[in-house]
Amino acid sequence: MSIAQQLIQNSPYIALFVTLALGYLVGKITIGRFVLGGVAGTLLMGVLVGQLGVDIDPGVKSIFFALFIYAVGFQGGPQFFGALNRKTVNVILSAVVMTTVGLLVVLGAAWMFDLDRGTAAGLAAGGLTQSAIIGTAGDAIGKLGGISEQAKSLMQTNVAVGYAVTYIFGSLGPILMVTWIIPTLMKWDIRKEAIELAEKNNNGKVELGAGEFNAITALDSRAYIVNNSSSILNLTIAQANDSLIDTAIELVQREGEQLEVNDALRFQEHDVVVVTGRRKAVKLQASQLGEEIDLPSSLELVEENRQLIATNSTLIGKTLGQIKQTAQKSLTRGVYVTDIVRDGNSLEITADLVVKKHDIVQITGKAGDLNRVANTIGQRLGSAYVTDFVLLGLGMAVGLLIGLIHFEIAGIPVTIGSGAGCLISGLAVGWLRSKNPKVAAFPMGASNFIRDFGLAVFVGIVGLQAGPQAIDAIREHGLTLLMLGVGVTIIPQIVAFFFSYYVLRVRNPIEALAAVAGGRSANPAFAALLEKAGNPTPVFAFTVTYAIANVLLTLWGPIIIGIITTNVAM
């Protein structure tokens, strides 16, 4: 036994983290426009490292996948429920087309190559990456009449063999389809399309990428030197501020020294004043302040953005213009509304914008000024860095409970599964958070980490577990079954994509690609698409099609066993 095998047997998680490191390293390799990506890279490296014989508890894979899919649901919850409309029917039909074509391709392969029932079911389970088919097909084989127990046992073994041979490409194929083949064929830039869809869903507000920010801020600070023509000369700060609209004098410098600002301070000639306010208002009122100069480097103006949850009944239902008219000017001086978030989306700040309960209102100004008005708006939003583990724990628990739900369709048992259950609970908790920001805090940084790390572990373990069995099965059964698996994986995606795009008119690139991944119940492909998109826009189409595909693909096991009459040769 090699040193590497001994280490892995003593601590199999060494192999897991080596797989993650190598996978994401390989995933960075670029050939022309093709980038493999961390998800596909991890899957391939898992297969290679898995040849050393890595034994990891399957429960680890399940819990990390549950964490991944819960975080995905949480981030996409507000957009998901907002996107439910008549268009949903076409997305659902795309999943029906995908799964039906998948069944027909399996039956065609079984007829052309004289596959027995067990091998055909295994081909479906691996090529369509729906492990539930193993269980439903195996149960159906056990109930067959007129066949010896030995023949049944051999067919059930063939289900596992067919699954092992075809599963690796069954997982890799959809990744290549949704992140490279289809986008290249259609000349789509996934990131660009995802940004445009996000902006459309967000009423045209620009979607910012990693490291990007809007350099044009709502507020502007400028410096002026008071001269003989200044209308504020000899006025107090209180008097000067009363004459200004949507601006306030924040700092005063006299003879090189910064003065303590108070309402009684009176301006003198050659004083340097710093005015902050809305960009247009500052520009319009510049002439009465004096001669504009560069901001002195010695001056520091510390302000903060404070997010408040609108709960004050005197504000709810009124426009920002009405609120401004009824508020005392002295109370709101130096305080500016710079953002309002509703249902997870930032709204355009206008005088006609009506404030609704639980809107997140961002106000900007000096801390002392903000303290004057904060209580009149509502409760301060919790820290942007603290996770609400109460709702996180309950959300995961509820999701796992939903996953235990099982029912029968035509006597065939169907289980929701922990993945679908946690996706549902994540969507619900994410939507709840958008409606009531006081609960279910799950900061973007934290949810991104849980999503990405959960996915990485899940895909890594899939590769580690599938590798040895698949290689052994390929050696024993040759390449024919492997190539049939490639056909079962690729053909339904091509047919379903073009049917959905041209007939069902699912034309948005991100929704079309997400429907392909969801209709195949292809979690790694969805994860790779999320990675390329850089935002949660694929969540809606994937969630709808994933739910339909999970049920239909599970039903295909007994149907394949019932339709195919070929048994194993004894």
Protein backbone atom coordinates (compact mmCIF):
# COMPACT_ATOMS: atom_id res chain seq x y z
CA MET A 1 0.00 0.00 0.00
CA SER A 2 1.38 3.40 -1.00
CA ILE A 3 1.94 6.25 1.43
CA ALA A 4 -0.83 8.25 -0.31
CA GLN A 5 -3.34 5.42 0.18
CA GLN A 6 -2.37 5.05 3.84
CA LEU A 7 -2.85 8.77 4.44
CA ILE A 8 -6.23 8.75 2.70
CA GLN A 9 -7.42 5.72 4.64
CA ASN A 10 -6.44 7.39 7.91
CA SER A 11 -7.95 10.74 6.91
CA PRO A 12 -10.11 10.58 3.75
CA TYR A 13 -10.83 14.30 3.97
CA ILE A 14 -7.25 14.95 2.85
CA ALA A 15 -8.31 13.53 -0.52
CA LEU A 16 -11.39 15.76 -0.54
CA PHE A 17 -9.45 18.99 -0.03
CA VAL A 18 -6.75 17.94 -2.50
CA THR A 19 -9.57 17.32 -4.99
CA LEU A 20 -10.98 20.80 -4.38
CA ALA A 21 -7.59 22.45 -4.80
CA LEU A 22 -6.71 20.56 -7.98
CA GLY A 23 -10.22 20.90 -9.39
CA TYR A 24 -10.42 24.65 -9.09
CA LEU A 25 -6.81 24.96 -10.32
CA VAL A 26 -7.60 22.93 -13.45
CA GLY A 27 -10.86 24.84 -13.80
CA LYS A 28 -8.90 28.05 -14.43
CA ILE A 29 -7.30 26.68 -17.60
CA THR A 30 -8.49 28.62 -20.64
CA ILE A 31 -8.37 27.32 -24.22
CA GLY A 32 -9.64 30.00 -26.57
CA ARG A 33 -13.08 30.94 -25.23
CA PHE A 34 -13.45 27.64 -23.37
CA VAL A 35 -12.95 27.66 -19.61
CA LEU A 36 -13.61 24.37 -17.83
CA GLY A 37 -14.62 26.03 -14.54
CA GLY A 38 -14.14 24.94 -10.95
CA VAL A 39 -17.20 22.68 -10.81
CA ALA A 40 -16.29 20.55 -13.82
CA GLY A 41 -12.62 20.57 -12.79
CA THR A 42 -13.47 19.30 -9.31
CA LEU A 43 -15.63 16.53 -10.74
CA LEU A 44 -12.82 15.31 -13.02
CA MET A 45 -10.15 15.56 -10.32
CA GLY A 46 -12.46 13.67 -7.96
CA VAL A 47 -12.63 10.79 -10.42
CA LEU A 48 -8.82 10.69 -10.66
CA VAL A 49 -8.11 11.02 -6.93
CA GLY A 50 -10.91 8.52 -6.25
CA GLN A 51 -8.80 5.78 -7.86
CA LEU A 52 -6.86 5.66 -4.57
CA GLY A 53 -9.97 4.36 -2.83
CA VAL A 54 -11.53 7.15 -0.77
CA ASP A 55 -14.23 6.24 1.73
CA ILE A 56 -16.28 9.28 2.82
CA ASP A 57 -19.62 9.01 4.60
CA PRO A 58 -22.36 9.70 1.97
CA GLY A 59 -24.14 11.83 4.58
CA VAL A 60 -21.39 14.45 4.22
CA LYS A 61 -22.25 14.86 0.54
CA SER A 62 -25.95 15.17 1.36
CA ILE A 63 -25.58 17.85 4.03
CA PHE A 64 -23.22 20.00 1.97
CA PHE A 65 -25.52 19.77 -1.02
CA ALA A 66 -28.41 20.78 1.24
CA LEU A 67 -26.42 23.82 2.43
CA PHE A 68 -25.55 24.75 -1.16
CA ILE A 69 -29.12 24.53 -2.43
CA TYR A 70 -30.54 26.32 0.63
CA ALA A 71 -28.19 29.28 0.06
CA VAL A 72 -29.15 29.34 -3.62
CA GLY A 73 -32.83 29.39 -2.68
CA PHE A 74 -32.30 32.12 -0.08
CA GLN A 75 -30.55 34.41 -2.55
CA GLY A 76 -33.11 33.81 -5.29
CA GLY A 77 -36.27 33.83 -3.16
CA PRO A 78 -37.41 37.42 -3.79
CA GLN A 79 -36.82 37.19 -7.56
CA PHE A 80 -38.39 33.72 -7.79
CA PHE A 81 -41.77 34.68 -6.36
CA GLY A 82 -41.72 37.93 -8.32
CA ALA A 83 -41.18 36.00 -11.59
CA LEU A 84 -44.12 33.62 -11.19
CA ASN A 85 -46.51 34.41 -14.05
CA ARG A 86 -47.97 32.89 -17.20
CA LYS A 87 -44.45 32.43 -18.56
CA THR A 88 -44.01 29.73 -15.92
CA VAL A 89 -46.15 27.33 -17.98
CA ASN A 90 -43.66 27.33 -20.86
CA VAL A 91 -40.76 26.74 -18.49
CA ILE A 92 -42.63 23.78 -16.97
CA LEU A 93 -43.34 22.37 -20.44
CA SER A 94 -39.63 22.57 -21.27
CA ALA A 95 -38.93 20.18 -18.37
CA VAL A 96 -41.64 17.80 -19.61
CA VAL A 97 -40.07 17.80 -23.09
CA MET A 98 -36.57 17.22 -21.65
CA THR A 99 -37.55 14.26 -19.48
CA THR A 100 -39.80 12.69 -22.14
CA VAL A 101 -37.06 12.84 -24.79
CA GLY A 102 -34.68 11.33 -22.25
CA LEU A 103 -37.03 8.38 -21.74
CA LEU A 104 -37.45 7.89 -25.51
CA VAL A 105 -33.66 7.93 -26.09
CA VAL A 106 -33.16 5.27 -23.39
CA LEU A 107 -35.90 3.07 -24.88
CA GLY A 108 -34.42 3.56 -28.37
CA ALA A 109 -30.94 2.59 -27.16
CA ALA A 110 -32.34 -0.51 -25.43
CA TRP A 111 -34.14 -1.56 -28.64
CA MET A 112 -31.19 -0.93 -30.97
CA PHE A 113 -28.56 -2.59 -28.76
CA ASP A 114 -30.78 -5.25 -27.18
CA LEU A 115 -30.19 -4.06 -23.62
CA ASP A 116 -31.81 -5.92 -20.77
CA ARG A 117 -34.18 -4.15 -18.40
CA GLY A 118 -31.61 -3.61 -15.67
CA THR A 119 -28.91 -2.19 -17.94
CA ALA A 120 -31.43 0.14 -19.60
CA ALA A 121 -32.62 1.43 -16.24
CA GLY A 122 -29.01 1.97 -15.16
CA LEU A 123 -28.36 3.82 -18.42
CA ALA A 124 -31.28 6.12 -17.59
CA ALA A 125 -30.17 6.63 -13.99
CA GLY A 126 -26.60 7.56 -14.94
CA GLY A 127 -27.14 9.26 -18.28
CA LEU A 128 -29.95 11.40 -16.83
CA THR A 129 -28.21 11.68 -13.40
CA GLN A 130 -31.28 10.68 -11.42
CA SER A 131 -30.16 8.18 -8.79
CA ALA A 132 -33.77 7.68 -7.65
CA ILE A 133 -34.26 5.58 -10.81
CA ILE A 134 -31.96 2.96 -9.25
CA GLY A 135 -34.40 2.52 -6.39
CA THR A 136 -37.65 2.61 -8.36
CA ALA A 137 -36.29 0.38 -11.14
CA GLY A 138 -34.82 -2.09 -8.65
CA ASP A 139 -38.14 -2.28 -6.82
CA ALA A 140 -39.99 -2.85 -10.11
CA ILE A 141 -37.57 -5.63 -11.08
CA GLY A 142 -38.22 -7.32 -7.73
CA LYS A 143 -41.95 -7.41 -8.53
CA LEU A 144 -41.58 -8.99 -11.99
CA GLY A 145 -43.34 -12.29 -12.43
CA GLY A 146 -42.20 -15.36 -14.37
CA ILE A 147 -38.50 -14.61 -13.82
CA SER A 148 -36.11 -16.45 -11.53
CA GLU A 149 -34.68 -14.74 -8.47
CA GLN A 150 -31.21 -15.22 -9.91
CA ALA A 151 -32.22 -13.33 -13.08
CA LYS A 152 -33.78 -10.56 -11.01
CA SER A 153 -30.63 -10.24 -8.93
CA LEU A 154 -28.49 -10.01 -12.06
CA MET A 155 -30.72 -7.32 -13.57
CA GLN A 156 -30.57 -5.32 -10.36
CA THR A 157 -26.79 -5.58 -10.49
CA ASN A 158 -26.87 -4.34 -14.08
CA VAL A 159 -28.82 -1.28 -12.94
CA ALA A 160 -25.87 -0.34 -10.72
CA VAL A 161 -23.35 -1.16 -13.46
CA GLY A 162 -25.14 0.97 -16.06
CA TYR A 163 -25.36 3.81 -13.56
CA ALA A 164 -21.66 3.63 -12.67
CA VAL A 165 -20.53 3.61 -16.32
CA THR A 166 -22.67 6.53 -17.45
CA TYR A 167 -22.90 8.75 -14.37
CA ILE A 168 -19.63 10.68 -14.76
CA PHE A 169 -20.43 12.00 -18.25
CA GLY A 170 -24.04 12.34 -17.14
CA SER A 171 -22.79 14.93 -14.66
CA LEU A 172 -20.12 16.50 -16.87
CA GLY A 173 -22.16 16.68 -20.09
CA PRO A 174 -24.78 19.19 -18.86
CA ILE A 175 -22.00 21.40 -17.47
CA LEU A 176 -20.41 21.57 -20.92
CA MET A 177 -23.79 22.11 -22.59
CA VAL A 178 -25.01 25.02 -20.48
CA THR A 179 -21.68 26.80 -19.97
CA TRP A 180 -19.93 26.25 -23.29
CA ILE A 181 -21.60 24.35 -26.16
CA ILE A 182 -25.01 26.08 -26.26
CA PRO A 183 -23.64 29.57 -25.43
CA THR A 184 -20.98 29.18 -28.14
CA LEU A 185 -23.53 27.95 -30.67
CA MET A 186 -25.93 30.80 -29.87
CA LYS A 187 -23.10 33.37 -29.45
CA TRP A 188 -24.22 34.22 -25.92
CA ASP A 189 -22.06 35.81 -23.25
CA ILE A 190 -23.48 34.28 -20.06
CA ARG A 191 -22.24 36.99 -17.69
CA LYS A 192 -23.47 39.77 -19.98
CA GLU A 193 -26.89 38.13 -20.36
CA ALA A 194 -27.15 37.58 -16.60
CA ILE A 195 -26.38 41.24 -15.93
CA GLU A 196 -29.02 42.34 -18.46
CA LEU A 197 -31.64 40.02 -16.95
CA ALA A 198 -30.84 41.27 -13.45
CA GLU A 199 -31.19 44.87 -14.62
CA LYS A 200 -34.51 44.04 -16.28
CA ASN A 201 -35.77 42.40 -13.08
CA ASN A 202 -34.50 45.40 -11.11
CA ASN A 203 -36.29 48.03 -13.21
CA GLY A 204 -33.19 48.97 -15.18
CA LYS A 205 -30.88 49.51 -12.21
CA VAL A 206 -27.31 48.61 -13.20
CA GLU A 207 -26.07 45.24 -11.98
CA LEU A 208 -22.59 45.65 -10.51
CA GLY A 209 -19.98 42.93 -10.78
CA ALA A 210 -17.29 41.95 -8.29
CA GLY A 211 -15.13 44.96 -7.46
CA GLU A 212 -17.41 47.36 -9.35
CA PHE A 213 -19.12 50.36 -7.78
CA ASN A 214 -21.08 53.35 -8.97
CA ALA A 215 -18.61 56.25 -9.05
CA ILE A 216 -21.46 58.76 -9.47
CA THR A 217 -22.85 59.04 -5.96
CA ALA A 218 -26.13 60.61 -4.93
CA LEU A 219 -24.34 63.20 -2.78
CA ASP A 220 -21.56 65.68 -3.52
CA SER A 221 -19.23 67.67 -1.26
CA ARG A 222 -17.63 70.93 -2.45
CA ALA A 223 -15.56 73.68 -0.85
CA TYR A 224 -16.08 77.47 -1.21
CA ILE A 225 -14.25 80.49 0.12
CA VAL A 226 -16.51 83.21 1.53
CA ASN A 227 -15.98 86.62 -0.16
CA ASN A 228 -17.69 90.02 -0.37
CA SER A 229 -20.26 88.72 -2.85
CA SER A 230 -21.23 85.68 -0.78
CA SER A 231 -24.84 85.79 0.38
CA ILE A 232 -23.88 83.92 3.56
CA LEU A 233 -21.29 86.50 4.71
CA ASN A 234 -22.02 87.57 8.35
CA LEU A 235 -24.83 84.98 8.62
CA THR A 236 -24.83 82.25 11.25
CA ILE A 237 -24.70 78.62 10.14
CA ALA A 238 -28.36 78.23 11.20
CA GLN A 239 -29.38 81.19 9.03
CA ALA A 240 -27.30 80.00 6.09
CA ASN A 241 -28.65 76.47 6.26
CA ASP A 242 -32.22 77.79 6.35
CA SER A 243 -31.58 79.43 2.98
CA LEU A 244 -30.18 76.27 1.39
CA ILE A 245 -32.30 73.52 -0.23
CA ASP A 246 -31.23 69.86 -0.10
CA THR A 247 -27.75 70.92 1.05
CA ALA A 248 -26.09 71.68 4.38
CA ILE A 249 -22.87 73.33 5.52
CA GLU A 250 -20.91 70.57 7.22
CA LEU A 251 -17.43 72.04 7.87
CA VAL A 252 -15.87 75.49 8.37
CA GLN A 253 -12.16 76.30 8.25
CA ARG A 254 -10.81 79.67 9.40
CA GLU A 255 -7.16 80.68 9.05
CA GLY A 256 -6.21 77.05 8.41
CA GLU A 257 -7.97 75.68 11.47
CA GLN A 258 -11.17 73.62 11.42
CA LEU A 259 -13.85 75.16 13.64
CA GLU A 260 -16.43 73.39 15.71
CA VAL A 261 -19.69 73.70 13.79
CA ASN A 262 -22.69 75.01 15.72
CA ASP A 263 -25.77 76.99 14.76
CA ALA A 264 -24.43 80.24 16.30
CA LEU A 265 -21.15 80.28 14.38
CA ARG A 266 -21.08 83.39 12.13
CA PHE A 267 -19.26 83.43 8.79
CA GLN A 268 -16.41 85.81 8.11
CA GLU A 269 -14.67 86.75 4.90
CA HIS A 270 -12.05 84.19 3.76
CA ASP A 271 -13.71 81.37 5.70
CA VAL A 272 -13.62 78.05 3.85
CA VAL A 273 -16.97 76.23 3.96
CA VAL A 274 -17.67 72.66 2.89
CA VAL A 275 -21.19 71.99 1.65
CA THR A 276 -22.70 68.53 1.22
CA GLY A 277 -25.95 67.75 -0.51
CA ARG A 278 -27.59 66.33 -3.57
CA ARG A 279 -25.35 66.89 -6.58
CA LYS A 280 -27.81 69.03 -8.55
CA ALA A 281 -28.78 71.13 -5.51
CA VAL A 282 -25.15 71.91 -4.65
CA LYS A 283 -24.49 73.01 -8.21
CA LEU A 284 -27.57 75.26 -8.35
CA GLN A 285 -26.72 77.05 -5.09
CA ALA A 286 -22.98 77.40 -5.62
CA SER A 287 -23.15 81.05 -6.65
CA GLN A 288 -24.46 82.28 -3.29
CA LEU A 289 -21.76 80.48 -1.31
CA GLY A 290 -18.68 82.12 -2.76
CA GLU A 291 -15.76 81.13 -4.97
CA GLU A 292 -15.34 77.36 -5.37
CA ILE A 293 -11.91 75.98 -4.46
CA ASP A 294 -10.36 72.53 -4.25
CA LEU A 295 -11.25 70.66 -1.10
CA PRO A 296 -8.42 71.25 1.40
CA SER A 297 -6.54 68.02 2.01
CA SER A 298 -6.45 68.76 5.74
CA LEU A 299 -10.25 68.58 6.05
CA GLU A 300 -12.00 65.35 6.98
CA LEU A 301 -15.74 64.85 6.72
CA VAL A 302 -16.82 61.55 8.26
CA GLU A 303 -20.34 60.43 7.38
CA GLU A 304 -22.09 57.09 7.44
CA ASN A 305 -24.77 55.17 5.61
CA ARG A 306 -27.38 53.85 8.03
CA GLN A 307 -30.07 51.40 6.97
CA LEU A 308 -33.41 51.59 8.76
CA ILE A 309 -36.51 49.44 8.45
CA ALA A 310 -39.56 51.60 7.75
CA THR A 311 -42.02 50.81 10.55
CA ASN A 312 -43.25 54.28 11.62
CA SER A 313 -46.96 54.43 10.76
CA THR A 314 -46.72 58.17 10.00
CA LEU A 315 -44.43 57.40 7.03
CA ILE A 316 -46.09 54.31 5.58
CA GLY A 317 -48.17 55.06 2.48
CA LYS A 318 -46.77 58.55 1.95
CA THR A 319 -44.49 59.75 -0.84
CA LEU A 320 -40.99 61.02 -0.12
CA GLY A 321 -42.19 64.43 -1.28
CA GLN A 322 -45.04 64.44 1.27
CA ILE A 323 -42.70 63.30 4.04
CA LYS A 324 -40.24 66.06 3.21
CA GLN A 325 -42.98 68.73 3.27
CA THR A 326 -44.29 67.67 6.69
CA ALA A 327 -40.88 67.17 8.31
CA GLN A 328 -39.21 70.00 10.19
CA LYS A 329 -36.28 71.32 8.16
CA SER A 330 -34.08 71.54 11.26
CA LEU A 331 -34.73 67.86 11.91
CA THR A 332 -33.76 66.66 8.43
CA ARG A 333 -30.90 69.08 7.70
CA GLY A 334 -27.78 67.21 6.63
CA VAL A 335 -29.67 63.93 6.29
CA TYR A 336 -30.35 62.43 2.86
CA VAL A 337 -32.24 59.37 1.65
CA THR A 338 -29.73 57.66 -0.65
CA ASP A 339 -31.37 54.27 -1.22
CA ILE A 340 -34.61 52.39 -0.65
CA VAL A 341 -34.67 48.60 -0.97
CA ARG A 342 -37.92 46.68 -1.43
CA ASP A 343 -38.19 42.93 -2.01
CA GLY A 344 -34.41 42.81 -2.44
CA ASN A 345 -34.33 45.47 -5.16
CA SER A 346 -33.10 49.05 -4.95
CA LEU A 347 -35.69 51.61 -6.05
CA GLU A 348 -35.14 54.90 -7.85
CA ILE A 349 -35.31 57.80 -5.39
CA THR A 350 -38.01 60.22 -6.56
CA ALA A 351 -40.42 62.58 -4.82
CA ASP A 352 -43.31 60.35 -5.94
CA LEU A 353 -41.92 57.15 -4.40
CA VAL A 354 -44.37 55.78 -1.82
CA VAL A 355 -42.79 54.30 1.32
CA LYS A 356 -44.13 50.87 2.26
CA LYS A 357 -43.87 48.95 5.51
CA HIS A 358 -40.54 47.10 5.90
CA ASP A 359 -38.84 49.06 3.13
CA ILE A 360 -35.13 49.38 3.92
CA VAL A 361 -34.41 53.11 3.93
CA GLN A 362 -30.75 54.13 3.71
CA ILE A 363 -29.99 57.56 5.08
CA THR A 364 -26.63 59.29 4.78
CA GLY A 365 -25.08 62.02 6.90
CA LYS A 366 -23.04 62.69 10.01
CA ALA A 367 -23.76 60.37 12.92
CA GLY A 368 -25.22 63.17 15.07
CA ASP A 369 -27.58 64.22 12.29
CA LEU A 370 -28.69 60.66 11.64
CA ASN A 371 -29.44 60.14 15.33
CA ARG A 372 -31.97 62.98 15.16
CA VAL A 373 -34.12 61.30 12.53
CA ALA A 374 -33.49 57.56 12.96
CA ASN A 375 -36.29 57.02 15.48
CA THR A 376 -38.80 58.75 13.22
CA ILE A 377 -38.23 56.14 10.49
CA GLY A 378 -37.98 52.84 12.29
CA GLN A 379 -35.73 50.13 13.61
CA ARG A 380 -32.10 49.98 12.55
CA LEU A 381 -31.24 47.07 10.30
CA GLY A 382 -29.01 44.51 11.99
CA SER A 383 -25.32 44.16 11.28
CA ALA A 384 -24.39 43.32 7.70
CA TYR A 385 -21.96 40.71 9.01
CA VAL A 386 -24.11 38.71 11.44
CA THR A 387 -26.11 35.64 10.41
CA ASP A 388 -29.45 34.85 12.03
CA PHE A 389 -28.67 31.26 12.99
CA VAL A 390 -32.14 30.81 14.47
CA LEU A 391 -33.80 31.12 11.05
CA LEU A 392 -30.89 29.42 9.30
CA GLY A 393 -31.22 26.38 11.55
CA LEU A 394 -35.00 26.30 11.34
CA GLY A 395 -34.90 26.80 7.57
CA MET A 396 -32.52 23.89 7.08
CA ALA A 397 -34.53 21.68 9.45
CA VAL A 398 -37.78 22.47 7.66
CA GLY A 399 -36.11 21.80 4.30
CA LEU A 400 -34.86 18.40 5.42
CA LEU A 401 -38.32 17.59 6.79
CA ILE A 402 -39.91 18.55 3.47
CA GLY A 403 -37.38 16.24 1.80
CA LEU A 404 -38.81 13.29 3.77
CA ILE A 405 -42.26 13.72 2.21
CA HIS A 406 -43.10 10.80 -0.04
CA PHE A 407 -46.15 9.85 -2.05
CA GLU A 408 -47.18 7.48 -4.79
CA ILE A 409 -48.08 8.10 -8.42
CA ALA A 410 -49.71 5.07 -10.03
CA GLY A 411 -48.26 2.96 -7.24
CA ILE A 412 -44.72 4.27 -7.80
CA PRO A 413 -43.14 5.80 -4.66
CA VAL A 414 -41.78 9.33 -5.11
CA THR A 415 -39.76 11.20 -2.46
CA ILE A 416 -39.24 14.97 -2.48
CA GLY A 417 -35.58 14.63 -1.41
CA SER A 418 -33.44 16.84 0.83
CA GLY A 419 -32.19 18.90 -2.12
CA ALA A 420 -35.64 19.93 -3.30
CA GLY A 421 -36.79 20.37 0.30
CA CYS A 422 -33.96 22.75 1.21
CA LEU A 423 -34.43 24.63 -2.06
CA ILE A 424 -38.09 25.20 -1.19
CA SER A 425 -37.30 26.32 2.38
CA GLY A 426 -34.46 28.56 1.17
CA LEU A 427 -36.78 30.26 -1.32
CA ALA A 428 -39.37 30.79 1.41
CA VAL A 429 -36.91 32.19 3.98
CA GLY A 430 -35.28 34.42 1.34
CA TRP A 431 -38.70 35.78 0.42
CA LEU A 432 -39.54 36.28 4.11
CA ARG A 433 -36.30 38.22 4.55
CA SER A 434 -37.21 40.52 1.65
CA LYS A 435 -40.62 41.19 3.18
CA ASN A 436 -39.44 41.61 6.77
CA PRO A 437 -35.75 42.59 7.02
CA LYS A 438 -35.85 42.30 10.82
CA VAL A 439 -35.56 38.50 10.56
CA ALA A 440 -33.53 35.83 8.75
CA ALA A 441 -30.31 37.81 8.28
CA PHE A 442 -27.93 35.89 6.01
CA PRO A 443 -25.28 38.35 4.74
CA MET A 444 -24.27 38.06 1.10
CA GLY A 445 -20.69 37.18 1.97
CA ALA A 446 -21.80 34.38 4.30
CA SER A 447 -24.41 32.99 1.91
CA ASN A 448 -21.93 33.09 -0.99
CA PHE A 449 -19.40 31.12 1.05
CA ILE A 450 -21.96 28.52 2.14
CA ARG A 451 -23.20 28.22 -1.44
CA ASP A 452 -19.76 27.88 -3.04
CA PHE A 453 -18.17 25.68 -0.38
CA GLY A 454 -21.23 23.44 -0.13
CA LEU A 455 -21.16 22.98 -3.88
CA ALA A 456 -17.41 22.31 -3.99
CA VAL A 457 -17.62 19.58 -1.33
CA PHE A 458 -20.68 18.00 -2.96
CA VAL A 459 -19.13 17.82 -6.43
CA GLY A 460 -15.80 16.65 -5.02
CA ILE A 461 -17.41 13.73 -3.16
CA VAL A 462 -19.51 12.83 -6.23
CA GLY A 463 -16.29 12.42 -8.23
CA LEU A 464 -14.47 10.54 -5.45
CA GLN A 465 -17.31 8.07 -5.02
CA ALA A 466 -18.09 7.53 -8.71
CA GLY A 467 -14.53 7.19 -9.98
CA PRO A 468 -13.48 3.65 -9.02
CA GLN A 469 -16.79 1.94 -9.89
CA ALA A 470 -17.08 3.69 -13.23
CA ILE A 471 -13.55 2.85 -14.35
CA ASP A 472 -13.98 -0.81 -13.33
CA ALA A 473 -17.33 -1.02 -15.11
CA ILE A 474 -15.92 0.51 -18.30
CA ARG A 475 -13.07 -2.02 -18.28
CA GLU A 476 -15.55 -4.88 -17.88
CA HIS A 477 -18.27 -3.77 -20.30
CA GLY A 478 -16.30 -1.81 -22.88
CA LEU A 479 -17.07 1.57 -24.39
CA THR A 480 -20.45 0.77 -25.92
CA LEU A 481 -22.41 1.47 -22.74
CA LEU A 482 -20.34 4.59 -22.08
CA MET A 483 -21.13 5.98 -25.55
CA LEU A 484 -24.82 5.16 -25.11
CA GLY A 485 -24.66 7.17 -21.90
CA VAL A 486 -23.17 10.10 -23.81
CA GLY A 487 -26.12 9.95 -26.21
CA VAL A 488 -28.67 9.77 -23.39
CA THR A 489 -27.02 12.78 -21.77
CA ILE A 490 -26.59 15.00 -24.85
CA ILE A 491 -29.54 14.27 -27.18
CA PRO A 492 -32.37 15.27 -24.79
CA GLN A 493 -30.62 18.54 -23.99
CA ILE A 494 -30.22 19.49 -27.65
CA VAL A 495 -33.82 18.58 -28.57
CA ALA A 496 -35.33 20.20 -25.47
CA PHE A 497 -33.28 23.38 -25.81
CA PHE A 498 -34.28 24.07 -29.42
CA PHE A 499 -37.89 23.06 -28.81
CA SER A 500 -38.07 25.36 -25.77
CA TYR A 501 -36.32 28.23 -27.55
CA TYR A 502 -38.19 28.17 -30.87
CA VAL A 503 -41.55 26.55 -30.02
CA LEU A 504 -42.17 27.38 -26.35
CA ARG A 505 -40.34 30.70 -26.86
CA VAL A 506 -38.25 30.55 -23.71
CA ARG A 507 -35.99 33.13 -25.34
CA ASN A 508 -34.04 34.68 -22.49
CA PRO A 509 -30.58 33.03 -22.63
CA ILE A 510 -30.22 32.62 -18.85
CA GLU A 511 -33.71 31.17 -18.43
CA ALA A 512 -33.19 28.86 -21.42
CA LEU A 513 -29.90 27.52 -20.06
CA ALA A 514 -31.27 27.19 -16.51
CA ALA A 515 -34.26 25.25 -17.90
CA VAL A 516 -31.84 22.82 -19.57
CA ALA A 517 -30.00 22.24 -16.28
CA GLY A 518 -33.22 21.95 -14.26
CA GLY A 519 -34.98 19.73 -16.79
CA ARG A 520 -32.06 17.34 -16.50
CA SER A 521 -32.08 17.59 -12.70
CA ALA A 522 -28.41 18.45 -13.20
CA ASN A 523 -27.24 20.11 -10.00
CA PRO A 524 -23.55 20.43 -11.00
CA ALA A 525 -24.60 22.07 -14.29
CA PHE A 526 -26.77 24.55 -12.42
CA ALA A 527 -23.88 25.32 -10.09
CA ALA A 528 -21.56 25.88 -13.06
CA LEU A 529 -24.15 28.18 -14.66
CA LEU A 530 -24.42 30.16 -11.42
CA GLU A 531 -20.65 30.46 -11.39
CA LYS A 532 -20.63 31.88 -14.95
CA ALA A 533 -23.66 34.14 -14.36
CA GLY A 534 -22.29 35.69 -11.18
CA ASN A 535 -25.79 36.42 -9.85
CA PRO A 536 -28.95 34.46 -8.92
CA THR A 537 -30.82 35.07 -12.21
CA PRO A 538 -30.81 31.33 -13.17
CA VAL A 539 -32.63 30.33 -9.96
CA PHE A 540 -36.20 30.83 -11.18
CA ALA A 541 -36.12 28.69 -14.33
CA PHE A 542 -33.96 26.03 -12.66
CA THR A 543 -36.22 25.70 -9.63
CA VAL A 544 -39.39 25.25 -11.65
CA THR A 545 -37.90 22.70 -14.07
CA TYR A 546 -35.93 20.91 -11.34
CA ALA A 547 -39.10 20.17 -9.39
CA ILE A 548 -40.87 18.72 -12.45
CA ALA A 549 -37.84 16.71 -13.56
CA ASN A 550 -37.31 15.16 -10.13
CA VAL A 551 -40.80 13.68 -10.18
CA LEU A 552 -40.90 12.56 -13.82
CA LEU A 553 -37.41 11.07 -13.92
CA THR A 554 -38.16 9.07 -10.79
CA LEU A 555 -41.21 7.60 -12.54
CA TRP A 556 -39.16 6.49 -15.55
CA GLY A 557 -37.55 3.59 -13.63
CA PRO A 558 -40.65 1.36 -13.38
CA ILE A 559 -41.83 2.50 -16.83
CA ILE A 560 -38.56 1.34 -18.43
CA ILE A 561 -38.80 -2.00 -16.63
CA GLY A 562 -42.42 -2.37 -17.74
CA ILE A 563 -41.90 -1.46 -21.42
CA ILE A 564 -38.66 -3.34 -22.12
CA THR A 565 -39.18 -7.10 -22.40
CA THR A 566 -35.56 -8.18 -22.81
CA ASN A 567 -34.15 -10.03 -19.79
CA VAL A 568 -30.59 -11.02 -18.98
CA ALA A 569 -29.30 -14.21 -20.55
CA MET A 570 -28.74 -16.90 -17.94
